[in-house]
Protein backbone atom coordinates (compact mmCIF):
# COMPACT_ATOMS: atom_id res chain seq x y z
CA MET A 1 9.65 -9.04 1.77
CA GLY A 2 7.44 -8.57 4.84
CA ILE A 3 6.74 -6.05 7.58
CA ASN A 4 10.07 -6.58 9.36
CA THR A 5 11.83 -5.29 6.23
CA ALA A 6 9.50 -2.32 6.16
CA ILE A 7 10.57 -1.41 9.67
CA GLY A 8 14.21 -1.69 8.65
CA LEU A 9 13.68 0.57 5.66
CA SER A 10 11.86 3.14 7.77
CA LEU A 11 14.82 3.36 10.13
CA MET A 12 17.02 4.36 7.21
CA GLY A 13 15.04 7.56 6.67
CA GLY A 14 15.55 9.84 3.69
CA SER A 15 14.07 9.15 0.27
CA MET A 16 13.66 5.94 -1.68
CA LEU A 17 12.17 4.90 -5.01
CA GLU A 18 8.46 4.29 -5.47
CA ALA A 19 7.41 2.31 -8.54
CA ILE A 20 3.94 1.50 -9.87
CA LEU A 21 3.61 -1.56 -12.13
CA ALA A 22 0.59 -2.81 -14.09
CA ILE A 23 0.79 -6.59 -14.62
CA ASP A 24 -1.27 -8.88 -16.85
CA THR A 25 -1.73 -12.00 -14.70
CA PRO A 26 -3.50 -15.32 -15.38
CA VAL A 27 -7.07 -15.74 -14.11
CA GLU A 28 -6.98 -16.51 -10.37
CA TRP A 29 -9.23 -16.11 -7.33
CA LYS A 30 -8.78 -12.31 -7.24
CA GLN A 31 -9.75 -11.79 -10.88
CA GLU A 32 -12.79 -14.02 -10.45
CA LEU A 33 -14.06 -11.94 -7.53
CA THR A 34 -13.40 -8.73 -9.44
CA SER A 35 -15.34 -9.86 -12.50
CA LYS A 36 -18.14 -11.76 -10.73
CA TYR A 37 -18.90 -9.34 -7.88
CA HIS A 38 -17.18 -6.12 -9.03
CA ALA A 39 -15.17 -6.34 -5.80
CA LYS A 40 -12.25 -4.04 -5.02
CA ILE A 41 -9.31 -6.07 -3.70
CA ASN A 42 -6.29 -4.53 -1.98
CA ILE A 43 -3.32 -6.68 -0.93
CA LEU A 44 -1.90 -5.21 2.28
CA ASP A 45 1.11 -7.53 2.38
CA CYS A 46 2.48 -10.64 0.68
CA LEU A 47 4.37 -13.20 2.79
CA PRO A 48 6.08 -16.57 2.12
CA TYR A 49 3.91 -19.65 2.71
CA GLU A 50 4.96 -23.32 2.76
CA GLY A 51 7.68 -23.61 0.13
CA ASP A 52 6.92 -21.62 -3.01
CA GLY A 53 3.51 -20.38 -1.88
CA ASN A 54 2.44 -17.01 -0.56
CA LYS A 55 0.05 -15.67 2.05
CA ALA A 56 -1.64 -12.41 1.10
CA LEU A 57 -3.13 -10.11 3.71
CA VAL A 58 -6.13 -8.68 1.87
CA GLU A 59 -8.92 -6.16 2.17
CA ILE A 60 -11.99 -6.72 -0.02
CA GLU A 61 -14.68 -4.11 -0.60
CA VAL A 62 -17.94 -5.21 -2.21
CA ASP A 63 -21.69 -4.65 -2.18
CA PRO A 64 -22.76 -5.96 1.28
CA GLN A 65 -25.21 -8.44 -0.27
CA TYR A 66 -22.27 -10.34 -1.81
CA ALA A 67 -19.97 -10.48 1.23
CA GLU A 68 -21.01 -13.96 2.43
CA MET A 69 -20.92 -15.28 -1.16
CA ILE A 70 -17.36 -14.08 -1.57
CA LEU A 71 -16.28 -15.91 1.58
CA GLU A 72 -17.79 -19.12 0.28
CA ASP A 73 -16.27 -18.70 -3.21
CA VAL A 74 -12.77 -18.15 -1.83
CA LYS A 75 -13.05 -21.17 0.49
CA LYS A 76 -14.18 -23.38 -2.40
CA ASN A 77 -11.51 -22.16 -4.85
CA PRO A 78 -9.14 -25.08 -5.59
CA GLU A 79 -6.16 -22.69 -5.87
CA VAL A 80 -6.59 -21.53 -2.27
CA ASP A 81 -4.86 -23.48 0.54
CA LEU A 82 -5.83 -21.36 3.52
CA VAL A 83 -8.56 -18.79 4.16
CA ASP A 84 -8.77 -16.60 7.27
CA LEU A 85 -11.23 -13.90 6.22
CA THR A 86 -13.70 -11.95 8.36
CA ILE A 87 -16.47 -9.51 7.46
CA VAL A 88 -15.39 -6.49 9.53
CA ASP A 89 -18.02 -4.04 8.31
CA LYS A 90 -20.83 -3.85 5.76
CA GLY A 91 -19.26 -4.71 2.43
CA ARG A 92 -15.72 -4.94 3.82
CA ILE A 93 -13.72 -8.14 4.37
CA LYS A 94 -10.21 -8.48 5.79
CA GLY A 95 -7.82 -11.32 6.52
CA ALA A 96 -5.38 -13.76 4.92
CA VAL A 97 -5.51 -15.99 1.83
CA ALA A 98 -2.71 -18.47 1.07
CA THR A 99 -2.02 -20.05 -2.33
CA GLN A 100 0.76 -22.06 -3.99
CA ASP A 101 0.53 -20.87 -7.58
CA CYS A 102 0.84 -17.07 -7.61
CA VAL A 103 4.12 -16.60 -9.49
CA ALA A 104 3.78 -12.82 -9.39
CA CYS A 105 3.42 -12.70 -5.60
CA CYS A 106 6.25 -15.20 -5.15
CA THR A 107 8.46 -12.96 -7.29
CA MET A 108 7.66 -10.09 -4.96
CA VAL A 109 8.41 -12.14 -1.84
CA GLY A 110 11.92 -12.98 -3.05
CA SER A 111 12.81 -9.46 -4.16
CA GLU A 112 14.69 -6.55 -2.61
CA ALA A 113 11.61 -4.33 -2.69
CA PHE A 114 8.63 -3.82 -0.40
CA LEU A 115 5.03 -4.14 -1.58
CA LEU A 116 3.13 -1.09 -0.30
CA GLU A 117 -0.12 -1.72 -2.13
CA SER A 118 -1.64 -4.11 -4.66
CA HIS A 119 -5.08 -4.05 -6.25
CA MET A 120 -6.99 -5.15 -9.33
CA ASN A 121 -7.95 -2.40 -11.78
CA LYS A 122 -11.08 -2.38 -13.93
CA ASP A 123 -9.17 -4.02 -16.82
CA GLY A 124 -8.29 -7.05 -14.65
CA LYS A 125 -4.63 -6.07 -14.34
CA THR A 126 -2.78 -6.33 -11.04
CA VAL A 127 -1.36 -2.94 -10.02
CA TRP A 128 1.59 -2.92 -7.62
CA ARG A 129 2.96 0.05 -5.70
CA LEU A 130 6.52 -0.80 -4.65
CA LEU A 131 9.19 0.74 -2.47
CA SER A 132 12.88 0.00 -3.08
CA THR A 133 16.35 1.33 -2.35
CA ASP A 134 17.51 1.28 -5.98
CA LYS A 135 16.42 0.93 -9.61
CA GLU A 136 18.15 -2.42 -10.04
CA ALA A 137 15.75 -4.18 -7.63
CA ILE A 138 12.76 -2.84 -9.56
CA ARG A 139 14.37 -3.76 -12.91
CA GLN A 140 14.95 -7.30 -11.60
CA ILE A 141 11.30 -7.66 -10.53
CA ILE A 142 10.14 -6.64 -14.01
CA ALA A 143 12.63 -9.01 -15.64
CA ASP A 144 11.53 -11.93 -13.43
CA LEU A 145 7.85 -11.31 -14.19
CA GLU A 146 8.51 -11.03 -17.92
CA GLY A 147 10.57 -14.24 -17.68
CA HIS A 148 7.35 -15.95 -16.54
CA LEU A 149 5.58 -14.46 -19.60
CA TYR A 150 3.73 -11.70 -17.73
CA HIS A 151 3.33 -8.40 -19.57
CA VAL A 152 4.50 -5.59 -17.27
CA GLU A 153 4.07 -1.83 -17.69
CA LEU A 154 6.11 0.57 -15.55
CA MET A 155 3.56 3.31 -14.91
CA LYS A 156 5.56 5.42 -12.47
CA LEU A 157 9.04 5.70 -10.94
CA THR A 158 9.74 8.50 -8.50
CA SER A 159 11.57 9.41 -5.29
CA VAL A 160 9.52 9.44 -2.05
CA ASP A 161 9.92 10.05 1.70
CA VAL A 162 9.94 6.60 3.33
CA GLU A 163 8.90 7.82 6.80
CA GLU A 164 5.52 9.01 5.56
CA LEU A 165 4.88 5.68 3.78
CA MET A 166 5.74 3.58 6.81
CA THR A 167 3.35 5.59 8.99
CA SER A 168 0.44 4.46 6.81
CA ARG A 169 1.71 0.87 7.17
CA GLN A 170 1.45 1.05 10.96
CA GLU A 171 -2.08 2.39 10.65
CA ASP A 172 -3.08 -0.65 8.52
CA ILE A 173 -1.86 -3.04 11.23
CA LEU A 174 -3.52 -1.07 14.03
CA GLN A 175 -6.82 -1.05 12.13
CA ILE A 176 -6.78 -4.81 11.52
CA ALA A 177 -5.98 -5.43 15.21
CA PHE A 178 -8.96 -3.25 16.16
CA GLU A 179 -11.32 -4.92 13.70
CA ARG A 180 -10.26 -8.42 14.82
CA GLY A 181 -11.13 -7.50 18.44
CA TYR A 182 -7.64 -7.24 19.95
CA PHE A 183 -8.67 -4.17 21.95
CA ASP A 184 -11.99 -5.67 23.12
CA TYR A 185 -12.49 -6.97 26.65
CA PRO A 186 -12.15 -9.87 26.72
CA LYS A 187 -9.91 -9.96 23.65
CA LYS A 188 -11.35 -11.71 20.59
CA ILE A 189 -7.86 -12.40 19.22
CA SER A 190 -4.54 -12.79 20.99
CA LEU A 191 -1.28 -10.99 20.27
CA ARG A 192 0.22 -14.36 19.33
CA ASP A 193 -2.50 -15.04 16.75
CA LEU A 194 -2.16 -11.53 15.29
CA ALA A 195 1.61 -11.94 15.03
CA ALA A 196 1.12 -15.28 13.22
CA MET A 197 -1.31 -13.58 10.83
CA PHE A 198 1.27 -10.92 9.93
CA ASP A 199 4.17 -13.42 10.05
CA ILE A 200 6.18 -11.28 12.48
CA SER A 201 7.41 -11.79 16.04
CA ILE A 202 5.19 -11.03 19.02
CA SER A 203 7.66 -8.43 20.29
CA THR A 204 7.77 -6.64 16.91
CA LEU A 205 3.97 -6.53 16.65
CA SER A 206 3.64 -5.35 20.26
CA GLU A 207 6.03 -2.46 19.57
CA MET A 208 4.19 -1.50 16.36
CA LEU A 209 0.83 -1.50 18.17
CA ARG A 210 2.29 0.55 21.00
CA LYS A 211 3.66 3.16 18.59
CA GLY A 212 0.40 3.21 16.66
CA GLN A 213 -1.65 3.80 19.81
CA ARG A 214 0.73 6.55 20.93
CA LYS A 215 0.39 8.25 17.55
CA LEU A 216 -3.41 8.17 17.76
CA MET A 217 -3.34 9.58 21.30
CA GLU A 218 -0.96 12.37 20.27
CA GLU A 219 -3.21 13.30 17.36
CA TYR A 220 -6.33 13.18 19.57
CA PHE A 221 -4.92 15.36 22.32
CA ASP A 222 -3.33 17.79 19.84
CA GLU A 223 -6.74 18.28 18.23
CA ASP A 224 -8.49 18.43 21.60
CA GLY A 225 -6.14 21.12 22.82
CA SER A 226 -6.34 23.26 19.69
């Protein structure tokens, strides 16, 4: 489930269910970076990619001396089909990585829940923070993962305000657009290329960027006037 679904959920308002899962996954490119470089990896979104594959929008934080090595390792990894990563700051990398063999991510893509956050913990487990309209969708995700022989621990299940969560989502997109040079003159990346990166329509992305910029301006002028 991608960003378009997130927008739809945010329009519903009210409260929804937030679940946190800890998943034992097979060794893959993310675990290798975590163990080899002690990198912190956050998955900002998980989108369908060419059949049963997935394209993860990721943020990687690591000691700056290892940033270029990580880019090379990901590009050389035989499990990875596509790499569109950029070093946006010292020790921080953002972009997209597409693979065909991540059963866990594919399970998430086909579900009735929205992936708010995903990262690797120090034990090598994948931790998901999910948003859903009901318990059944979360139960089905756990059942599907366990059906593929993953061990899953439900760490948290609680009711949350969806509007606050979706605001942070818009900020993620606005930040990536800024770091990729969308607001530079001349632009370093086009709206079309950004939309392709997030797998959403140009009009949807344009509206999200517009709302994000308006929010920043409102916060700036509120602070300036106080």
